[in-house]
Amino acid sequence: MSDTTSTSMDTVIGRMVVEKGLATQGEVDQCMMLTESAANDGKDVGGLSGMLISQGIVTQAQLQRLKPELDEQKSSRQIPGYQMLSKLGAGAMATVYKAKQLSLDRTVAIKVLPQKHSNDPNFIQRFYDEGKAAAKLNHANVVGPYDVGQAGEYHYFVMEYVDGRTVYDDISSKGAYREKEALNITTKVAEALSHAHEAGFIHRDVKPKNIMIANDGTVKLADMGLARAVSDREAAEAEAGKAYGTPYYISPEQIRGEIEIDFRADIYALGATAYHMVTGRVPFEGANPSAVMRKHLSEELEPPDHINEDLSSGFSEIIEICMAKSPKKRYGTTEDLLHDLQAVNRGEPPIIARKMVDLSSLAALEPDDTQVLPVQRVGSGSAGSSQSLTEQPLFWVAMGEAAAIIVLIAVLVISLSG
């Protein structure tokens, strides 16, 4: 490590121990002076960390607890051509920073793979797959990719910076959306998904945290981290039996780890997201992720307009069709979903959803050919008892009509022969 890099990291460590209340600024300054003096004398004291420990200001255990955060700070300073401005967020898969791309003088977002995953080929491959998937999409409602690469031991993905908030932020701070706004956001995300589906990709993780609302109102679908090409049979078979997605919004077929996952999984997740937007609560709740996913598989969905009585029946019907447990009972194309969303936005009924509901109702009413249905007694007698055919009044009505037709035919024959 160069002297410049060491000094830079000492500055980061000094700031962190002060921010965490482990040392005063005066103590840090004093240790910095002692460290520099030791370095000038050719002594290796282990940098500021070693000096803080040797002076009894912090312990080895305290510094060890700061290591994950120090690793993040280190990674944020190791990508050439970019100036890190602030940390935007962190998850299990990556940390995202706001940064300036120096060559073009523009603000970007940079996703950095955590150091703990940097030696895992599966994580690295998925990280680069995300960049490749995003690069194949070019849509106003999809966060745009700029670059993906490696700097030293760090893997990074540079993308469009969206100055705004997420749908999840809005729900958390303000509760349920008004229908008009929820309809607009759902429609824009459906347009983004339609573009992705036409390009042969499924997102597999549509949820409120992955929908950005820019300060100018633009809606952006983010995070292609779980995106997969529908044609990638090898990846599908490798993931068989594993549930990839977020429990509150995941489709039943993803929970079962089925190989044949298609665009209808995204339609389900968008329906679950819209449900959360208009009701202020997730479709299914449970004590743990497994309990939530079991409900996605088997529990009947409470219609959203039963929770939010101000919600139109049309939008409620769309959400319910999106969240049908069987993919076959959801929209047949993303374009069909868009057609209904646009109709409800104009104040018209969702024709496709209603046709699907009607067909489903007819199918439920259709009798089983193998089932013998008892004939109900009409009039007096015990309910539910059976009768022979000739005991039923409708039989004699039918027989009378048949006899009348026969007589009419006979009269016509006689008149014609005469």
Protein backbone atom coordinates (compact mmCIF):
# COMPACT_ATOMS: atom_id res chain seq x y z
CA MET A 1 0.00 0.00 0.00
CA SER A 2 1.38 3.41 -0.97
CA ASP A 3 2.01 6.16 1.58
CA THR A 4 -0.78 8.22 -0.03
CA THR A 5 -3.27 5.36 0.28
CA SER A 6 -2.19 4.69 3.87
CA THR A 7 -2.65 8.34 4.79
CA SER A 8 -6.06 8.36 3.09
CA MET A 9 -7.23 5.30 5.04
CA ASP A 10 -5.83 6.73 8.29
CA THR A 11 -7.99 9.80 7.69
CA VAL A 12 -11.05 7.57 7.20
CA ILE A 13 -10.26 5.55 10.34
CA GLY A 14 -9.71 8.73 12.36
CA ARG A 15 -13.04 10.17 11.26
CA MET A 16 -14.89 6.93 12.00
CA VAL A 17 -13.58 6.43 15.54
CA VAL A 18 -14.54 10.02 16.35
CA GLU A 19 -18.03 9.59 14.80
CA LYS A 20 -18.55 6.35 16.77
CA GLY A 21 -17.52 8.05 20.02
CA LEU A 22 -14.48 5.81 20.48
CA ALA A 23 -12.02 8.71 20.59
CA THR A 24 -11.92 12.49 20.68
CA GLN A 25 -10.61 14.54 17.76
CA GLY A 26 -7.70 15.63 19.95
CA GLU A 27 -6.72 12.02 20.66
CA VAL A 28 -6.87 11.17 16.96
CA ASP A 29 -4.75 14.20 16.02
CA GLN A 30 -2.14 13.25 18.63
CA CYS A 31 -1.97 9.65 17.36
CA MET A 32 -1.70 10.89 13.76
CA MET A 33 1.35 12.97 14.72
CA LEU A 34 2.94 9.99 16.49
CA THR A 35 2.24 7.76 13.46
CA GLU A 36 3.86 10.24 11.06
CA SER A 37 6.86 10.64 13.36
CA ALA A 38 7.29 6.85 13.57
CA ALA A 39 7.05 6.57 9.76
CA ASN A 40 9.78 9.24 9.36
CA ASP A 41 12.00 7.18 11.67
CA GLY A 42 11.36 4.09 9.51
CA LYS A 43 9.21 2.37 12.12
CA ASP A 44 6.08 0.41 11.18
CA VAL A 45 3.48 0.92 13.90
CA GLY A 46 0.56 -0.39 11.84
CA GLY A 47 -0.72 3.01 10.81
CA LEU A 48 -3.20 4.99 12.83
CA SER A 49 -5.05 1.81 13.84
CA GLY A 50 -1.93 0.38 15.47
CA MET A 51 -1.13 3.68 17.20
CA LEU A 52 -4.67 4.05 18.59
CA ILE A 53 -4.42 0.55 20.04
CA SER A 54 -0.89 1.00 21.43
CA GLN A 55 -1.96 4.25 23.12
CA GLY A 56 -4.90 2.47 24.76
CA ILE A 57 -7.48 4.71 23.09
CA VAL A 58 -9.35 1.89 21.27
CA THR A 59 -9.20 -1.90 21.43
CA GLN A 60 -8.53 -4.43 18.69
CA ALA A 61 -12.12 -5.70 19.07
CA GLN A 62 -13.57 -2.20 18.60
CA LEU A 63 -11.60 -1.68 15.38
CA GLN A 64 -12.61 -5.15 14.17
CA ARG A 65 -16.27 -4.21 14.51
CA LEU A 66 -15.58 -1.21 12.25
CA LYS A 67 -14.00 -3.40 9.55
CA PRO A 68 -17.10 -3.92 7.32
CA GLU A 69 -17.67 -0.16 7.19
CA LEU A 70 -13.97 0.46 6.60
CA ASP A 71 -14.03 -2.01 3.69
CA GLU A 72 -16.91 -0.06 2.16
CA GLN A 73 -15.02 3.20 2.56
CA LYS A 74 -11.97 1.61 1.00
CA SER A 75 -13.91 0.28 -2.00
CA SER A 76 -15.50 3.67 -2.58
CA ARG A 77 -12.05 5.20 -3.11
CA GLN A 78 -10.68 2.58 -5.47
CA ILE A 79 -12.62 3.17 -8.73
CA PRO A 80 -10.59 5.32 -11.15
CA GLY A 81 -12.39 8.12 -12.93
CA TYR A 82 -15.05 8.61 -10.28
CA GLN A 83 -15.31 10.81 -7.22
CA MET A 84 -17.48 9.27 -4.51
CA LEU A 85 -19.92 11.75 -3.01
CA SER A 86 -22.06 9.79 -0.56
CA LYS A 87 -23.46 6.38 0.29
CA LEU A 88 -27.01 5.86 -0.99
CA GLY A 89 -27.76 2.46 0.51
CA ALA A 90 -26.55 -1.06 1.15
CA GLY A 91 -27.96 -4.55 0.91
CA ALA A 92 -26.80 -8.14 1.06
CA MET A 93 -25.67 -8.07 -2.57
CA ALA A 94 -24.10 -4.63 -2.94
CA THR A 95 -23.50 -1.11 -1.66
CA VAL A 96 -24.62 1.83 -3.80
CA TYR A 97 -22.86 5.20 -3.87
CA LYS A 98 -23.65 8.56 -5.39
CA ALA A 99 -20.62 9.66 -7.41
CA LYS A 100 -19.36 12.04 -10.06
CA GLN A 101 -18.03 10.70 -13.34
CA LEU A 102 -15.06 13.00 -13.81
CA SER A 103 -14.66 12.60 -17.58
CA LEU A 104 -18.24 13.72 -18.34
CA ASP A 105 -18.86 15.78 -15.20
CA ARG A 106 -22.14 14.00 -14.48
CA THR A 107 -23.68 12.46 -11.37
CA VAL A 108 -24.03 8.68 -11.43
CA ALA A 109 -24.85 5.82 -9.08
CA ILE A 110 -22.24 3.11 -8.56
CA LYS A 111 -23.09 -0.32 -7.21
CA VAL A 112 -20.09 -2.06 -5.63
CA LEU A 113 -19.97 -5.77 -4.83
CA PRO A 114 -19.04 -6.27 -1.15
CA GLN A 115 -15.54 -7.59 -0.53
CA LYS A 116 -16.96 -10.69 1.18
CA HIS A 117 -18.45 -11.74 -2.18
CA SER A 118 -15.46 -10.79 -4.32
CA ASN A 119 -14.08 -14.34 -4.27
CA ASP A 120 -17.41 -16.03 -4.95
CA PRO A 121 -17.72 -16.83 -8.70
CA ASN A 122 -21.52 -17.11 -8.46
CA PHE A 123 -21.95 -13.63 -6.97
CA ILE A 124 -19.50 -12.14 -9.44
CA GLN A 125 -21.23 -13.77 -12.40
CA ARG A 126 -24.65 -12.57 -11.25
CA PHE A 127 -23.26 -9.07 -10.78
CA TYR A 128 -22.00 -8.94 -14.38
CA ASP A 129 -25.18 -10.59 -15.67
CA GLU A 130 -27.11 -7.69 -14.16
CA GLY A 131 -25.02 -5.23 -16.14
CA LYS A 132 -25.43 -7.20 -19.36
CA ALA A 133 -29.19 -7.48 -18.91
CA ALA A 134 -29.54 -3.75 -18.22
CA ALA A 135 -27.39 -2.96 -21.28
CA LYS A 136 -29.92 -4.69 -23.54
CA LEU A 137 -32.73 -2.41 -22.36
CA ASN A 138 -33.26 1.15 -23.51
CA HIS A 139 -36.45 2.60 -22.10
CA ALA A 140 -37.45 5.84 -20.42
CA ASN A 141 -38.83 3.94 -17.43
CA VAL A 142 -35.79 1.72 -16.84
CA VAL A 143 -32.69 2.93 -14.95
CA GLY A 144 -30.00 3.18 -17.61
CA PRO A 145 -26.61 1.39 -17.36
CA TYR A 146 -23.31 3.12 -18.13
CA ASP A 147 -20.46 0.77 -17.31
CA VAL A 148 -19.50 -2.42 -15.49
CA GLY A 149 -15.98 -3.49 -14.56
CA GLN A 150 -13.34 -4.27 -11.98
CA ALA A 151 -10.88 -2.03 -10.17
CA GLY A 152 -8.38 -4.04 -8.17
CA GLU A 153 -10.35 -6.41 -5.97
CA TYR A 154 -13.62 -4.49 -6.39
CA HIS A 155 -16.34 -5.13 -8.97
CA TYR A 156 -18.56 -2.18 -9.83
CA PHE A 157 -21.59 -1.29 -11.94
CA VAL A 158 -22.13 2.35 -12.95
CA MET A 159 -25.69 3.44 -13.75
CA GLU A 160 -28.00 6.41 -14.13
CA TYR A 161 -28.49 8.38 -10.93
CA VAL A 162 -32.15 9.01 -10.10
CA ASP A 163 -32.60 12.04 -7.86
CA GLY A 164 -35.73 11.16 -5.95
CA ARG A 165 -37.22 8.44 -3.78
CA THR A 166 -38.68 4.94 -4.00
CA VAL A 167 -42.31 3.85 -3.89
CA TYR A 168 -41.43 2.08 -0.64
CA ASP A 169 -40.27 5.41 0.83
CA ASP A 170 -43.63 6.97 -0.05
CA ILE A 171 -45.68 4.14 1.46
CA SER A 172 -43.56 4.19 4.62
CA SER A 173 -43.92 7.94 5.10
CA LYS A 174 -47.43 8.65 3.76
CA GLY A 175 -49.30 5.35 3.65
CA ALA A 176 -51.43 4.23 0.71
CA TYR A 177 -51.30 6.04 -2.61
CA ARG A 178 -54.33 7.67 -4.17
CA GLU A 179 -55.70 5.58 -7.01
CA LYS A 180 -54.80 7.98 -9.83
CA GLU A 181 -51.14 8.15 -8.79
CA ALA A 182 -50.93 4.40 -8.17
CA LEU A 183 -52.45 3.77 -11.60
CA ASN A 184 -49.88 6.04 -13.25
CA ILE A 185 -46.93 4.37 -11.52
CA THR A 186 -48.24 0.86 -12.21
CA THR A 187 -48.75 1.74 -15.89
CA LYS A 188 -45.22 3.14 -16.27
CA VAL A 189 -43.70 0.06 -14.65
CA ALA A 190 -45.84 -2.17 -16.87
CA GLU A 191 -44.46 -0.29 -19.89
CA ALA A 192 -40.91 -0.89 -18.64
CA LEU A 193 -41.67 -4.58 -18.11
CA SER A 194 -43.27 -4.86 -21.55
CA HIS A 195 -40.01 -3.56 -23.04
CA ALA A 196 -37.96 -6.03 -20.99
CA HIS A 197 -40.26 -8.93 -21.89
CA GLU A 198 -40.05 -8.10 -25.60
CA ALA A 199 -36.25 -8.13 -25.23
CA GLY A 200 -36.49 -11.63 -23.73
CA PHE A 201 -35.88 -10.76 -20.07
CA ILE A 202 -37.87 -11.22 -16.87
CA HIS A 203 -37.07 -8.96 -13.92
CA ARG A 204 -38.06 -11.38 -11.11
CA ASP A 205 -37.86 -8.79 -8.33
CA VAL A 206 -40.48 -6.10 -8.97
CA LYS A 207 -41.26 -4.43 -5.64
CA PRO A 208 -41.73 -0.94 -4.13
CA LYS A 209 -38.03 -0.59 -3.26
CA ASN A 210 -37.09 -1.16 -6.90
CA ILE A 211 -39.39 1.52 -8.29
CA MET A 212 -37.85 4.99 -8.28
CA ILE A 213 -39.80 8.25 -8.51
CA ALA A 214 -37.58 11.09 -9.73
CA ASN A 215 -38.16 14.61 -8.43
CA ASP A 216 -39.65 15.51 -11.82
CA GLY A 217 -42.18 12.65 -11.49
CA THR A 218 -40.48 10.21 -13.87
CA VAL A 219 -40.97 6.56 -12.87
CA LYS A 220 -37.95 4.25 -13.15
CA LEU A 221 -37.73 0.48 -12.69
CA ALA A 222 -34.38 -0.35 -11.06
CA ASP A 223 -32.21 -3.29 -10.05
CA MET A 224 -31.80 -6.01 -12.66
CA GLY A 225 -29.92 -8.10 -10.10
CA LEU A 226 -32.25 -11.09 -10.49
CA ALA A 227 -33.09 -10.53 -14.15
CA ARG A 228 -32.77 -13.55 -16.40
CA ALA A 229 -33.14 -14.22 -20.08
CA VAL A 230 -36.15 -16.46 -20.68
CA SER A 231 -34.05 -18.42 -23.18
CA ASP A 232 -31.30 -19.15 -20.63
CA ARG A 233 -32.24 -22.76 -19.97
CA GLU A 234 -28.93 -23.53 -18.24
CA ALA A 235 -29.50 -20.82 -15.62
CA ALA A 236 -33.12 -21.90 -15.15
CA GLU A 237 -32.09 -25.51 -14.50
CA ALA A 238 -29.28 -24.42 -12.16
CA GLU A 239 -31.79 -22.43 -10.10
CA ALA A 240 -34.49 -25.13 -10.07
CA GLY A 241 -35.99 -25.68 -6.64
CA LYS A 242 -34.73 -22.34 -5.29
CA ALA A 243 -36.97 -19.36 -4.53
CA TYR A 244 -35.44 -16.20 -6.03
CA GLY A 245 -37.35 -13.01 -5.22
CA THR A 246 -38.70 -10.96 -2.32
CA PRO A 247 -41.19 -12.88 -0.12
CA TYR A 248 -43.87 -10.15 0.04
CA TYR A 249 -44.13 -9.90 -3.77
CA ILE A 250 -42.87 -13.23 -5.13
CA SER A 251 -45.02 -15.34 -7.47
CA PRO A 252 -46.09 -18.89 -6.50
CA GLU A 253 -44.08 -20.44 -9.34
CA GLN A 254 -40.93 -18.68 -8.14
CA ILE A 255 -41.58 -19.97 -4.62
CA ARG A 256 -41.80 -23.50 -5.98
CA GLY A 257 -38.54 -22.98 -7.87
CA GLU A 258 -40.07 -24.02 -11.18
CA ILE A 259 -37.89 -24.07 -14.28
CA GLU A 260 -40.55 -22.58 -16.56
CA ILE A 261 -40.70 -19.02 -15.18
CA ASP A 262 -41.89 -16.37 -17.63
CA PHE A 263 -43.20 -12.77 -17.82
CA ARG A 264 -46.29 -13.70 -15.78
CA ALA A 265 -44.09 -13.88 -12.65
CA ASP A 266 -43.39 -10.15 -13.15
CA ILE A 267 -47.10 -9.49 -13.65
CA TYR A 268 -47.80 -11.17 -10.29
CA ALA A 269 -45.13 -9.10 -8.54
CA LEU A 270 -46.42 -5.88 -10.10
CA GLY A 271 -49.91 -6.79 -8.91
CA ALA A 272 -48.58 -7.38 -5.39
CA THR A 273 -46.76 -4.04 -5.55
CA ALA A 274 -49.91 -2.24 -6.73
CA TYR A 275 -51.82 -3.96 -3.91
CA HIS A 276 -49.33 -2.52 -1.40
CA MET A 277 -49.61 0.92 -3.00
CA VAL A 278 -53.41 1.18 -2.85
CA THR A 279 -53.99 -0.53 0.52
CA GLY A 280 -50.88 0.51 2.44
CA ARG A 281 -50.19 -3.11 3.35
CA VAL A 282 -48.64 -6.14 1.67
CA PRO A 283 -50.97 -8.82 0.23
CA PHE A 284 -49.89 -11.49 2.72
CA GLU A 285 -48.21 -11.16 6.11
CA GLY A 286 -46.58 -13.77 8.30
CA ALA A 287 -44.21 -14.32 11.20
CA ASN A 288 -41.33 -15.10 8.83
CA PRO A 289 -40.56 -15.30 5.09
CA SER A 290 -41.61 -18.96 4.90
CA ALA A 291 -45.02 -18.19 6.40
CA VAL A 292 -45.54 -15.34 3.94
CA MET A 293 -44.60 -17.52 0.96
CA ARG A 294 -46.95 -20.30 2.10
CA LYS A 295 -49.79 -17.79 1.96
CA HIS A 296 -48.85 -16.78 -1.58
CA LEU A 297 -49.21 -20.45 -2.48
CA SER A 298 -52.49 -21.26 -0.80
CA GLU A 299 -54.30 -18.41 0.95
CA GLU A 300 -57.11 -16.57 -0.81
CA LEU A 301 -56.33 -12.92 -1.55
CA GLU A 302 -58.52 -10.34 0.15
CA PRO A 303 -59.69 -8.02 -2.67
CA PRO A 304 -57.97 -4.63 -2.38
CA ASP A 305 -61.25 -2.72 -2.68
CA HIS A 306 -62.45 -4.51 0.47
CA ILE A 307 -59.60 -2.79 2.32
CA ASN A 308 -59.65 0.54 0.49
CA GLU A 309 -63.32 1.26 -0.17
CA ASP A 310 -62.40 4.31 -2.27
CA LEU A 311 -60.66 2.08 -4.80
CA SER A 312 -62.51 1.50 -8.07
CA SER A 313 -63.69 -2.01 -8.83
CA GLY A 314 -61.82 -1.82 -12.14
CA PHE A 315 -58.37 -1.32 -10.62
CA SER A 316 -59.17 -3.93 -7.98
CA GLU A 317 -60.07 -6.45 -10.69
CA ILE A 318 -56.79 -5.78 -12.52
CA ILE A 319 -54.77 -6.41 -9.34
CA GLU A 320 -56.68 -9.61 -8.62
CA ILE A 321 -56.09 -10.96 -12.15
CA CYS A 322 -52.38 -10.08 -11.87
CA MET A 323 -52.21 -11.99 -8.59
CA ALA A 324 -53.99 -15.15 -9.70
CA LYS A 325 -52.12 -18.10 -8.20
CA SER A 326 -52.01 -19.92 -11.53
CA PRO A 327 -50.03 -18.14 -14.28
CA LYS A 328 -52.68 -19.32 -16.78
CA LYS A 329 -55.29 -17.19 -15.01
CA ARG A 330 -53.20 -14.01 -15.21
CA TYR A 331 -52.91 -11.69 -18.19
CA GLY A 332 -51.79 -13.48 -21.34
CA THR A 333 -49.43 -10.66 -22.31
CA THR A 334 -48.03 -7.55 -20.66
CA GLU A 335 -49.75 -5.59 -23.43
CA ASP A 336 -53.14 -6.91 -22.25
CA LEU A 337 -52.36 -5.63 -18.75
CA LEU A 338 -51.41 -2.23 -20.19
CA HIS A 339 -54.65 -2.11 -22.18
CA ASP A 340 -56.72 -2.57 -19.02
CA LEU A 341 -54.65 -0.11 -16.96
CA GLN A 342 -55.07 2.56 -19.62
CA ALA A 343 -58.81 1.86 -19.82
CA VAL A 344 -59.32 2.29 -16.07
CA ASN A 345 -57.21 5.45 -16.20
CA ARG A 346 -59.72 6.81 -18.75
CA GLY A 347 -62.62 5.87 -16.49
CA GLU A 348 -63.56 2.80 -18.54
CA PRO A 349 -63.93 -0.82 -17.37
CA PRO A 350 -61.00 -3.27 -17.69
CA ILE A 351 -62.51 -5.35 -20.51
CA ILE A 352 -59.83 -8.06 -20.61
CA ALA A 353 -59.90 -8.61 -16.84
CA ARG A 354 -63.70 -8.88 -16.86
CA LYS A 355 -63.66 -11.38 -19.70
CA MET A 356 -61.18 -13.48 -17.76
CA VAL A 357 -63.34 -13.30 -14.63
CA ASP A 358 -66.44 -14.28 -16.65
CA LEU A 359 -64.66 -17.24 -18.29
CA SER A 360 -63.36 -18.36 -14.92
CA SER A 361 -66.87 -18.15 -13.44
CA LEU A 362 -68.35 -20.19 -16.33
CA ALA A 363 -65.66 -22.82 -15.93
CA ALA A 364 -66.47 -23.08 -12.23
CA LEU A 365 -70.18 -23.54 -13.01
CA GLU A 366 -69.66 -26.13 -15.76
CA PRO A 367 -70.87 -29.54 -14.48
CA ASP A 368 -68.55 -32.49 -14.25
CA ASP A 369 -69.48 -34.99 -17.01
CA THR A 370 -68.80 -37.90 -14.67
CA GLN A 371 -71.01 -36.56 -11.90
CA VAL A 372 -74.58 -37.89 -11.50
CA LEU A 373 -76.79 -35.00 -10.38
CA PRO A 374 -79.87 -35.86 -8.24
CA VAL A 375 -83.21 -34.62 -9.55
CA GLN A 376 -85.00 -32.35 -7.10
CA ARG A 377 -88.70 -33.03 -6.40
CA VAL A 378 -90.91 -30.16 -7.47
CA GLY A 379 -93.89 -29.34 -5.27
CA SER A 380 -94.80 -31.31 -2.16
CA GLY A 381 -92.69 -34.03 -0.65
CA SER A 382 -89.29 -34.16 1.00
CA ALA A 383 -86.64 -31.86 -0.42
CA GLY A 384 -83.84 -33.57 -2.23
CA SER A 385 -85.71 -36.85 -2.91
CA SER A 386 -85.42 -38.24 -6.46
CA GLN A 387 -88.20 -38.97 -8.97
CA SER A 388 -88.50 -41.06 -12.07
CA LEU A 389 -88.58 -39.05 -15.29
CA THR A 390 -92.33 -39.61 -15.84
CA GLU A 391 -93.13 -38.23 -12.36
CA GLN A 392 -91.76 -34.77 -13.25
CA PRO A 393 -94.25 -32.10 -14.48
CA LEU A 394 -91.83 -30.82 -17.16
CA PHE A 395 -91.86 -34.27 -18.77
CA TRP A 396 -95.60 -34.07 -19.48
CA VAL A 397 -95.30 -30.51 -20.82
CA ALA A 398 -92.64 -31.67 -23.27
CA MET A 399 -94.78 -34.68 -24.27
CA GLY A 400 -97.79 -32.42 -24.93
CA GLU A 401 -95.73 -30.10 -27.15
CA ALA A 402 -94.42 -33.08 -29.11
CA ALA A 403 -97.95 -34.42 -29.65
CA ALA A 404 -99.14 -31.03 -30.91
CA ILE A 405 -96.30 -30.90 -33.44
CA ILE A 406 -97.18 -34.42 -34.69
CA VAL A 407 -100.86 -33.46 -35.17
CA LEU A 408 -99.85 -30.28 -37.06
CA ILE A 409 -97.61 -32.27 -39.39
CA ALA A 410 -100.43 -34.79 -40.03
CA VAL A 411 -102.90 -32.00 -40.95
CA LEU A 412 -100.38 -30.47 -43.36
CA VAL A 413 -99.78 -33.84 -45.06
CA ILE A 414 -103.53 -34.48 -45.49
CA SER A 415 -104.17 -30.99 -46.87
CA LEU A 416 -101.29 -31.30 -49.36
CA SER A 417 -102.37 -34.76 -50.52
CA GLY A 418 -105.92 -33.51 -50.99
